[in-house]
Each structure stands twice: as structure tokens, then as C-alpha cells.
Amino acid sequence: MVYFDNAATTFPKPDEVYDAIMKSMKEYGANPGRSGHKLALRMGREIYETRELLAKLFNIDNPMNVVFTSNCTESLNLAIKGILQRGDHVITSSMEHNSILRPLSSLEKEGVELTIVKGDRKGRIDAKDIAKNIKNNTKLIAITHVSNLTGTIMPIEEIGKLAWKNGIFFLVDAAQSAGVYDIDVKKMNIDMLAFPGHKGLLGPQGTGGLYVREGIALKEIKQGGTGSLSHMLEQPDIFPDRYESGTLNGPGIVGLGAGIKYIMKTGIENIRKHEEELTKHFIEGISKIDKVKAYGPLNVEEQGAVVSINIGDEDSSEISYILDEKYDIEVRPGLHCAPLAHKTIGTFEQGVVRFSFGPFNTHEEIDYALKAIFEISREI
């Protein structure tokens, strides 16, 4: 099997991740923060270590400003619904995943004003277009770092400066970039950073997080047990407890920590270089195949390890089915939960076949995929 669906979830994970999860389950799988016995205390320490690792990775001063969630979607919902109120204005882009667009669309019905800046045909967003749409009541700019459809890398640092100069909160969706691209929340003026654990950070599914800059008080979107201030009926207002009601996914967070350790040991720059080389290899190969249409910038200076294609006018789901059944190549077809992005690049009706590469893919697998695409293109 050749797995090219890393934009959905990275597979496989490093062996260290599997080992860490199983060890925590077998040896100290107690409930953190709820008891004073040694197993609960150990789980609590391991979870805090993962906060520290994330803080180091993203240049966050205080690990307690990292809130654990079940995935990036929950993180984005917490950031968006926790900061915006009726009468506020928010700016986003047409290249966003539904994890941003749907919460914003829901809030728009409740009186939040929404502006969607359109990208170009390669999925690029111009910071000048964002600047043109800033109003007196603009409270938030919410932008993806790397498009899950075209792989386009957005000018996050430039947008961050723009937001800072205008006193606007800046939320970044790092679903496709965390663990592969350098992210410095201070240098990039990022107020809130949402990330999944199960993609570039190499952790398991069911993990994610949200960094919230010191001084920002989001309204929580759920209340319940936190293990702290249990004598109160009101939700504690301390970080991160205010946003972590219910039992955390302890073994998953321990596995996430192991994934981050693997990244730090390997070197994020080495992981990025490997994925860039795979992406370049694939782009160069498909450019030589008749009938193949490719989307996005199509160069690794502007594009992450996500390449979307079509073969002629064939339905993207049909091509994906052939790749799976005949060649045992796993990709993702369709609209990728990003309908406006597809409208932006002109693929809303056909969808695309998305190839997304990870740290454990090889050049031999790229060659095999190119051979498969060539053979399919000859047959249709």
C-alpha cells in the first residue's frame, strides 16, 4: 500500500508514538488532575511535558497558554466563538477549510459581520486585499497557514503584522503546517494558533490544541469538571482549566508528545526538506503527463506537500477509486471540506484528486504513483 493522504492524517506514525501510547495505557492510565495518587500525578506530569514541548516548538512563553482539545476543529470553534460577539467584524479567505467557514457562517446568522477575501486561481491570498477590508469594528482575522486543497502557503507573517498594527486579533489554522513549517507565535504576531495532533505533529487522532496569547479571555464553549476549584458551580477562569472540561485524552496527549520529540530529534527542517523534495519530484512528473491538470502554485517555495490534480474531465472519485483498487494507492478525492476554495480555483463541479505527502513517503512511491497516473491517463 502507498499512502498519500497525509493531509487528512499522517500515517504511519513513528514507533515511539505507538510505544508511548501503549505504555501510558498499561502503566499509568489514570485520570490526570482528579486524584492525588501517583498514577494520576504521573499522567498529569506527562501531559504537562507535552504542553512544554508545544511551547518550545511554537516559541510560546507559558505552556499553560496551550489548551488541549480533541482536534483542530474544536480549537477553531473555541477561538472563533470565544472571541466574536454580535456587531463584530471578522475577515477570512475563500481558501479556508469548513472548520473556519462553518463556525463563521453560524455566527453570521447571529449578527457577526463576515468578509471573505477571495484568493487567486492558484489559491494565493494577498495581504493587501485583507487590509482593504479592515473596518472600525474588525475584531478578528482568521486565516489558514497552508491550504488543504492547493498546498498554498499563505503570507502569515505579513498578515500578522497587519493585524498587530490595527489592533485586530489574529487566528491561524495550522492544520497543514504544524510540525513541518517553522511557526513562531511572537515573530508572526499570532494571537491564537489552532493545530491538530494527528497530522504533521505525528500524534494520534483525537488530539489537538489551541494556543491563546496571554491576556486574551475567550468565552468557553463548554463547562464541566476540571479537577480544580471543585467547590464552585461556576467554571474556573484559570488557564487552561477554563477550556478543558472533562477528562483529557491522556494517552493520546502522551503520544502527541512522543511525536513532537521525534520531530525535534529528526529536525523540523529535515522533515520539511524531505517533503519538499517529494513534492517537487511529483510536480515535475505530472507536468510531463498529457491530460493531467494540476492546481496551486506548483513550486515548493509557495506550496506545501499537497498537490491536487485531475485527469481530463474524469470524476475525481472515479480516479481515486482506480488508484485504490488497481494500484493500492490511497488518496482523497472530492471537495475536501473546502467548497469555496474549489470555487476559487475552478474545480467545484469536478473536485480534485489530492495527493499529500508525509515524512515516511519515499521517492520510489512517487515514481510508482506517476506510473499509475500515466497508465490511467492513457486508458481514459
Protein backbone atom coordinates (compact mmCIF):
# COMPACT_ATOMS: atom_id res chain seq x y z
CA MET A 1 0.00 0.00 0.00
CA VAL A 2 1.13 3.54 -0.81
CA TYR A 3 -0.41 6.13 1.50
CA PHE A 4 -0.69 9.65 0.07
CA ASP A 5 -3.42 11.05 2.34
CA ASN A 6 -1.26 12.72 4.97
CA ALA A 7 -3.23 15.99 4.73
CA ALA A 8 -6.12 14.08 6.31
CA THR A 9 -4.00 12.30 8.90
CA THR A 10 -0.36 11.25 8.89
CA PHE A 11 0.15 7.52 8.60
CA PRO A 12 2.10 5.67 9.78
CA LYS A 13 3.28 7.30 12.99
CA PRO A 14 6.78 6.92 14.43
CA ASP A 15 7.16 3.74 16.51
CA GLU A 16 7.89 5.97 19.51
CA VAL A 17 4.32 7.28 19.34
CA TYR A 18 2.73 3.83 19.41
CA ASP A 19 5.06 2.75 22.24
CA ALA A 20 4.32 5.85 24.34
CA ILE A 21 0.55 5.41 23.99
CA MET A 22 0.63 1.74 24.94
CA LYS A 23 2.97 2.35 27.86
CA SER A 24 0.73 5.06 29.27
CA MET A 25 -2.36 2.88 28.86
CA LYS A 26 -0.75 -0.09 30.57
CA GLU A 27 1.36 1.56 33.27
CA TYR A 28 -0.25 4.81 34.38
CA GLY A 29 -3.54 5.32 32.55
CA ALA A 30 -5.24 7.18 35.39
CA ASN A 31 -7.25 10.41 35.34
CA PRO A 32 -4.98 13.50 35.49
CA GLY A 33 -5.87 16.28 37.89
CA ARG A 34 -8.65 14.33 39.58
CA SER A 35 -6.72 12.40 42.22
CA GLY A 36 -3.61 12.74 44.33
CA HIS A 37 -2.28 9.23 43.86
CA LYS A 38 0.94 8.53 41.99
CA LEU A 39 -0.67 7.25 38.78
CA ALA A 40 -2.81 10.36 38.35
CA LEU A 41 0.15 12.57 39.21
CA ARG A 42 2.34 10.84 36.64
CA MET A 43 -0.27 11.25 33.90
CA GLY A 44 -0.55 14.92 34.84
CA ARG A 45 3.23 15.35 34.58
CA GLU A 46 3.32 13.66 31.17
CA ILE A 47 0.54 15.92 29.87
CA TYR A 48 2.35 18.99 31.16
CA GLU A 49 5.53 17.83 29.42
CA THR A 50 3.62 17.83 26.12
CA ARG A 51 2.49 21.39 26.83
CA GLU A 52 6.13 22.31 27.33
CA LEU A 53 7.15 20.63 24.07
CA LEU A 54 4.47 22.52 22.17
CA ALA A 55 5.52 25.77 23.81
CA LYS A 56 9.10 25.17 22.72
CA LEU A 57 8.06 24.24 19.18
CA PHE A 58 5.94 27.38 18.68
CA ASN A 59 8.02 29.78 20.85
CA ILE A 60 5.29 30.18 23.47
CA ASP A 61 6.43 31.67 26.78
CA ASN A 62 3.92 29.99 29.09
CA PRO A 63 2.98 26.32 28.47
CA MET A 64 -0.26 26.91 30.38
CA ASN A 65 -1.47 29.02 27.45
CA VAL A 66 -1.73 25.80 25.44
CA VAL A 67 -5.25 24.38 25.67
CA PHE A 68 -5.74 20.75 24.69
CA THR A 69 -8.72 19.86 22.51
CA SER A 70 -9.90 16.79 20.64
CA ASN A 71 -8.90 18.16 17.21
CA CYS A 72 -8.17 21.34 15.25
CA THR A 73 -11.87 21.85 14.51
CA GLU A 74 -12.66 22.13 18.21
CA SER A 75 -9.74 24.52 18.62
CA LEU A 76 -11.01 26.77 15.83
CA ASN A 77 -14.55 26.72 17.23
CA LEU A 78 -13.24 27.73 20.65
CA ALA A 79 -11.19 30.58 19.21
CA ILE A 80 -13.87 31.89 16.86
CA LYS A 81 -16.91 31.55 19.12
CA GLY A 82 -14.95 32.55 22.17
CA ILE A 83 -13.78 35.90 20.76
CA LEU A 84 -16.59 37.14 18.47
CA GLN A 85 -19.84 38.77 19.52
CA ARG A 86 -22.79 40.35 17.74
CA GLY A 87 -21.67 43.51 15.93
CA ASP A 88 -18.07 42.34 15.47
CA HIS A 89 -16.49 42.07 12.03
CA VAL A 90 -14.25 39.17 11.00
CA ILE A 91 -12.11 38.70 7.88
CA THR A 92 -11.24 35.31 6.43
CA SER A 93 -10.42 33.91 3.00
CA SER A 94 -12.01 31.79 0.31
CA MET A 95 -9.24 29.20 0.80
CA GLU A 96 -10.40 28.14 4.24
CA HIS A 97 -11.50 24.72 5.43
CA ASN A 98 -15.06 24.37 6.69
CA SER A 99 -13.61 24.24 10.19
CA ILE A 100 -13.34 28.01 9.89
CA LEU A 101 -16.10 28.75 7.39
CA ARG A 102 -18.90 26.89 9.16
CA PRO A 103 -18.44 28.45 12.61
CA LEU A 104 -18.21 31.88 10.95
CA SER A 105 -21.31 31.20 8.86
CA SER A 106 -23.16 30.18 12.03
CA LEU A 107 -22.10 33.37 13.81
CA GLU A 108 -23.06 35.48 10.80
CA LYS A 109 -26.67 34.45 11.42
CA GLU A 110 -26.30 35.77 14.96
CA GLY A 111 -25.13 39.23 13.97
CA VAL A 112 -21.41 38.86 13.33
CA GLU A 113 -20.30 40.60 10.12
CA LEU A 114 -18.24 38.39 7.80
CA THR A 115 -15.92 39.32 4.92
CA ILE A 116 -14.39 36.57 2.77
CA VAL A 117 -11.35 37.72 0.79
CA LYS A 118 -11.03 35.79 -2.46
CA GLY A 119 -7.82 34.07 -3.44
CA ASP A 120 -6.44 33.86 -6.97
CA ARG A 121 -6.59 30.79 -9.23
CA LYS A 122 -3.51 29.35 -7.53
CA GLY A 123 -5.06 29.73 -4.10
CA ARG A 124 -2.92 32.68 -3.02
CA ILE A 125 -4.18 35.35 -0.62
CA ASP A 126 -2.84 38.90 -0.88
CA ALA A 127 -2.43 40.67 2.46
CA LYS A 128 -3.31 43.94 0.69
CA ASP A 129 -6.80 42.57 0.00
CA ILE A 130 -7.21 41.88 3.69
CA ALA A 131 -6.05 45.41 4.54
CA LYS A 132 -8.64 46.89 2.18
CA ASN A 133 -11.44 45.19 4.10
CA ILE A 134 -10.50 46.28 7.62
CA LYS A 135 -13.24 48.27 9.35
CA ASN A 136 -13.60 50.05 12.66
CA ASN A 137 -15.36 47.01 14.11
CA THR A 138 -12.96 44.40 12.70
CA LYS A 139 -12.08 42.19 15.64
CA LEU A 140 -10.55 39.06 14.10
CA ILE A 141 -8.61 37.86 11.07
CA ALA A 142 -8.79 34.07 10.68
CA ILE A 143 -6.54 32.50 8.03
CA THR A 144 -5.12 29.09 7.24
CA HIS A 145 -1.34 28.78 7.10
CA VAL A 146 -1.29 26.18 4.31
CA SER A 147 -4.28 25.33 2.10
CA ASN A 148 -5.51 21.77 2.43
CA LEU A 149 -6.56 21.88 -1.24
CA THR A 150 -3.71 23.51 -3.15
CA GLY A 151 -0.95 23.46 -0.54
CA THR A 152 -0.58 27.22 -0.99
CA ILE A 153 1.49 28.79 1.80
CA MET A 154 -0.17 31.99 2.99
CA PRO A 155 1.79 35.14 4.00
CA ILE A 156 1.17 34.61 7.70
CA GLU A 157 3.90 36.87 8.97
CA GLU A 158 2.77 39.75 6.76
CA ILE A 159 -0.86 39.31 7.81
CA GLY A 160 0.22 39.09 11.46
CA LYS A 161 1.96 42.46 11.23
CA LEU A 162 -1.14 43.92 9.60
CA ALA A 163 -3.36 42.61 12.39
CA TRP A 164 -1.00 43.86 15.11
CA LYS A 165 -0.76 47.36 13.64
CA ASN A 166 -4.54 47.62 13.53
CA GLY A 167 -5.21 46.10 16.96
CA ILE A 168 -7.01 43.08 15.49
CA PHE A 169 -6.83 39.55 16.89
CA PHE A 170 -5.08 37.10 14.57
CA LEU A 171 -6.10 33.42 14.44
CA VAL A 172 -4.04 30.95 12.38
CA ASP A 173 -5.23 27.50 11.33
CA ALA A 174 -2.06 25.39 11.34
CA ALA A 175 -3.76 22.13 10.37
CA GLN A 176 -1.41 21.60 7.41
CA SER A 177 1.71 23.30 8.73
CA ALA A 178 2.32 22.48 12.41
CA GLY A 179 5.27 20.12 12.67
CA VAL A 180 6.57 20.85 9.17
CA TYR A 181 6.90 24.64 8.88
CA ASP A 182 8.51 26.95 11.42
CA ILE A 183 5.86 28.73 13.49
CA ASP A 184 6.89 31.45 15.94
CA VAL A 185 3.81 32.97 17.56
CA LYS A 186 5.74 36.04 18.73
CA LYS A 187 7.58 36.76 15.49
CA MET A 188 4.40 36.19 13.45
CA ASN A 189 2.16 38.15 15.85
CA ILE A 190 -0.19 35.18 16.21
CA ASP A 191 -2.75 35.68 18.98
CA MET A 192 -4.34 32.24 18.64
CA LEU A 193 -2.90 29.17 16.94
CA ALA A 194 -5.09 26.13 16.27
CA PHE A 195 -3.41 22.82 15.47
CA PRO A 196 -4.27 19.11 15.20
CA GLY A 197 -2.17 16.46 16.87
CA HIS A 198 -2.66 13.78 14.24
CA LYS A 199 -1.14 15.39 11.14
CA GLY A 200 2.30 17.00 10.95
CA LEU A 201 2.82 16.68 14.71
CA LEU A 202 2.70 12.89 14.23
CA GLY A 203 0.43 12.19 17.21
CA PRO A 204 -2.77 10.12 17.30
CA GLN A 205 -6.25 11.15 16.26
CA GLY A 206 -8.38 12.69 18.98
CA THR A 207 -5.71 15.23 19.91
CA GLY A 208 -5.27 18.90 19.14
CA GLY A 209 -4.75 22.23 20.78
CA LEU A 210 -5.17 25.97 20.81
CA TYR A 211 -2.55 28.48 21.85
CA VAL A 212 -4.11 31.62 23.32
CA ARG A 213 -1.94 34.68 23.86
CA GLU A 214 -1.56 35.95 27.40
CA GLY A 215 -4.31 38.45 28.24
CA ILE A 216 -6.96 37.05 25.88
CA ALA A 217 -10.01 35.71 27.72
CA LEU A 218 -12.13 33.56 25.44
CA LYS A 219 -15.65 32.60 26.38
CA GLU A 220 -15.59 28.85 26.95
CA ILE A 221 -17.86 26.74 24.74
CA LYS A 222 -18.40 24.01 27.34
CA GLN A 223 -18.49 23.78 31.12
CA GLY A 224 -17.91 20.90 33.49
CA GLY A 225 -15.42 19.10 35.67
CA THR A 226 -11.83 20.31 35.54
CA GLY A 227 -10.42 18.90 38.77
CA SER A 228 -9.80 22.45 40.01
CA LEU A 229 -11.90 24.77 42.21
CA SER A 230 -14.45 21.97 42.56
CA HIS A 231 -16.31 23.81 45.35
CA MET A 232 -17.57 26.35 42.78
CA LEU A 233 -20.56 25.94 40.47
CA GLU A 234 -19.08 28.47 38.06
CA GLN A 235 -16.44 27.45 35.52
CA PRO A 236 -12.90 28.27 36.76
CA ASP A 237 -11.35 31.20 34.90
CA ILE A 238 -7.77 29.94 35.12
CA PHE A 239 -5.75 28.67 32.17
CA PRO A 240 -6.01 26.08 30.78
CA ASP A 241 -8.70 24.63 33.07
CA ARG A 242 -11.37 27.02 31.87
CA TYR A 243 -11.30 25.37 28.44
CA GLU A 244 -10.53 21.76 29.34
CA SER A 245 -13.72 20.45 30.93
CA GLY A 246 -13.94 16.69 31.12
CA THR A 247 -11.24 14.06 31.14
CA LEU A 248 -8.40 14.78 28.74
CA ASN A 249 -7.20 12.17 26.26
CA GLY A 250 -4.18 11.40 28.40
CA PRO A 251 -2.70 8.54 26.37
CA GLY A 252 -3.28 10.49 23.16
CA ILE A 253 -1.54 13.59 24.54
CA VAL A 254 1.37 11.43 25.69
CA GLY A 255 1.54 10.04 22.14
CA LEU A 256 1.46 13.58 20.78
CA GLY A 257 4.40 14.43 23.00
CA ALA A 258 6.31 11.49 21.57
CA GLY A 259 5.53 12.73 18.05
CA ILE A 260 6.92 16.17 18.87
CA LYS A 261 10.04 14.61 20.39
CA TYR A 262 10.52 12.70 17.13
CA ILE A 263 10.24 15.95 15.16
CA MET A 264 12.76 17.69 17.39
CA LYS A 265 15.16 14.74 17.21
CA THR A 266 14.86 14.47 13.42
CA GLY A 267 14.87 18.23 12.86
CA ILE A 268 11.83 20.07 11.52
CA GLU A 269 13.99 21.47 8.71
CA ASN A 270 14.92 17.93 7.64
CA ILE A 271 11.28 16.83 7.61
CA ARG A 272 10.34 19.90 5.59
CA LYS A 273 13.20 19.36 3.12
CA HIS A 274 12.18 15.74 2.57
CA GLU A 275 8.56 16.68 1.91
CA GLU A 276 9.65 19.49 -0.42
CA GLU A 277 11.78 17.07 -2.42
CA LEU A 278 8.90 14.62 -2.73
CA THR A 279 6.54 17.41 -3.78
CA LYS A 280 8.98 18.73 -6.38
CA HIS A 281 9.50 15.21 -7.76
CA PHE A 282 5.75 14.69 -8.09
CA ILE A 283 5.08 18.09 -9.69
CA GLU A 284 7.84 17.60 -12.23
CA GLY A 285 6.49 14.15 -13.08
CA ILE A 286 2.84 15.08 -13.58
CA SER A 287 3.82 18.07 -15.74
CA LYS A 288 5.01 15.57 -18.35
CA ILE A 289 1.78 13.58 -18.49
CA ASP A 290 -0.87 14.56 -21.04
CA LYS A 291 -4.42 15.12 -19.76
CA VAL A 292 -3.25 15.87 -16.21
CA LYS A 293 -4.39 19.19 -14.77
CA ALA A 294 -2.59 20.33 -11.62
CA TYR A 295 -3.62 23.14 -9.30
CA GLY A 296 -1.88 25.56 -6.96
CA PRO A 297 1.44 27.40 -7.22
CA LEU A 298 3.24 24.20 -8.31
CA ASN A 299 6.54 25.15 -6.74
CA VAL A 300 7.85 24.25 -3.30
CA GLU A 301 8.68 27.85 -2.42
CA GLU A 302 4.98 28.64 -2.29
CA GLN A 303 3.45 25.22 -1.73
CA GLY A 304 3.38 22.58 0.98
CA ALA A 305 3.32 18.83 0.41
CA VAL A 306 -0.20 18.88 -1.03
CA VAL A 307 -0.75 18.53 -4.78
CA SER A 308 -4.22 18.30 -6.32
CA ILE A 309 -4.82 17.04 -9.84
CA ASN A 310 -7.44 15.89 -12.28
CA ILE A 311 -7.10 13.62 -15.29
CA GLY A 312 -9.05 15.04 -18.19
CA ASP A 313 -12.70 15.52 -17.31
CA GLU A 314 -12.99 12.31 -15.32
CA ASP A 315 -14.74 12.46 -11.98
CA SER A 316 -12.19 12.75 -9.18
CA SER A 317 -13.85 9.99 -7.16
CA GLU A 318 -13.55 7.60 -10.09
CA ILE A 319 -9.82 8.28 -10.43
CA SER A 320 -9.35 7.81 -6.70
CA TYR A 321 -11.23 4.51 -6.86
CA ILE A 322 -8.97 3.23 -9.65
CA LEU A 323 -5.86 4.28 -7.76
CA ASP A 324 -7.07 2.43 -4.69
CA GLU A 325 -8.43 -0.73 -6.30
CA LYS A 326 -5.89 -1.28 -9.08
CA TYR A 327 -2.74 0.27 -7.67
CA ASP A 328 -3.31 0.25 -3.88
CA ILE A 329 -2.57 4.00 -3.73
CA GLU A 330 -4.54 5.89 -1.08
CA VAL A 331 -5.54 9.48 -1.93
CA ARG A 332 -8.53 11.71 -1.28
CA PRO A 333 -10.98 12.92 -3.95
CA GLY A 334 -13.87 15.38 -3.89
CA LEU A 335 -14.22 18.79 -2.26
CA HIS A 336 -12.04 18.25 0.85
CA CYS A 337 -14.36 20.23 3.15
CA ALA A 338 -13.27 23.40 1.33
CA PRO A 339 -16.06 24.33 -1.11
CA LEU A 340 -15.10 27.99 -1.51
CA ALA A 341 -11.50 27.01 -2.23
CA HIS A 342 -12.72 24.76 -5.04
CA LYS A 343 -14.83 27.59 -6.42
CA THR A 344 -11.76 29.82 -6.22
CA ILE A 345 -9.59 27.53 -8.36
CA GLY A 346 -12.44 26.37 -10.63
CA THR A 347 -12.86 22.75 -9.52
CA PHE A 348 -16.16 22.87 -7.63
CA GLU A 349 -18.01 20.61 -10.09
CA GLN A 350 -15.27 18.05 -10.72
CA GLY A 351 -13.46 18.10 -7.41
CA VAL A 352 -9.83 17.04 -7.41
CA VAL A 353 -7.66 14.05 -6.58
CA ARG A 354 -5.44 15.18 -3.72
CA PHE A 355 -2.01 13.69 -3.14
CA SER A 356 -0.45 14.69 0.19
CA PHE A 357 2.97 13.53 1.26
CA GLY A 358 4.44 12.87 4.68
CA PRO A 359 7.77 12.20 6.36
CA PHE A 360 7.67 8.46 5.70
CA ASN A 361 6.88 8.56 1.99
CA THR A 362 9.66 7.76 -0.48
CA HIS A 363 10.75 8.76 -3.98
CA GLU A 364 10.08 5.18 -5.09
CA GLU A 365 6.45 5.66 -4.08
CA ILE A 366 6.33 8.90 -6.06
CA ASP A 367 7.63 7.09 -9.15
CA TYR A 368 5.01 4.38 -8.69
CA ALA A 369 2.23 6.96 -8.42
CA LEU A 370 3.44 8.76 -11.55
CA LYS A 371 3.43 5.44 -13.42
CA ALA A 372 -0.13 4.80 -12.25
CA ILE A 373 -1.31 8.27 -13.29
CA PHE A 374 0.32 7.85 -16.70
CA GLU A 375 -1.37 4.50 -17.27
CA ILE A 376 -4.77 5.81 -16.18
CA SER A 377 -4.39 8.85 -18.45
CA ARG A 378 -3.74 6.52 -21.39
CA GLU A 379 -6.87 4.47 -20.70
CA ILE A 380 -9.49 7.18 -20.29
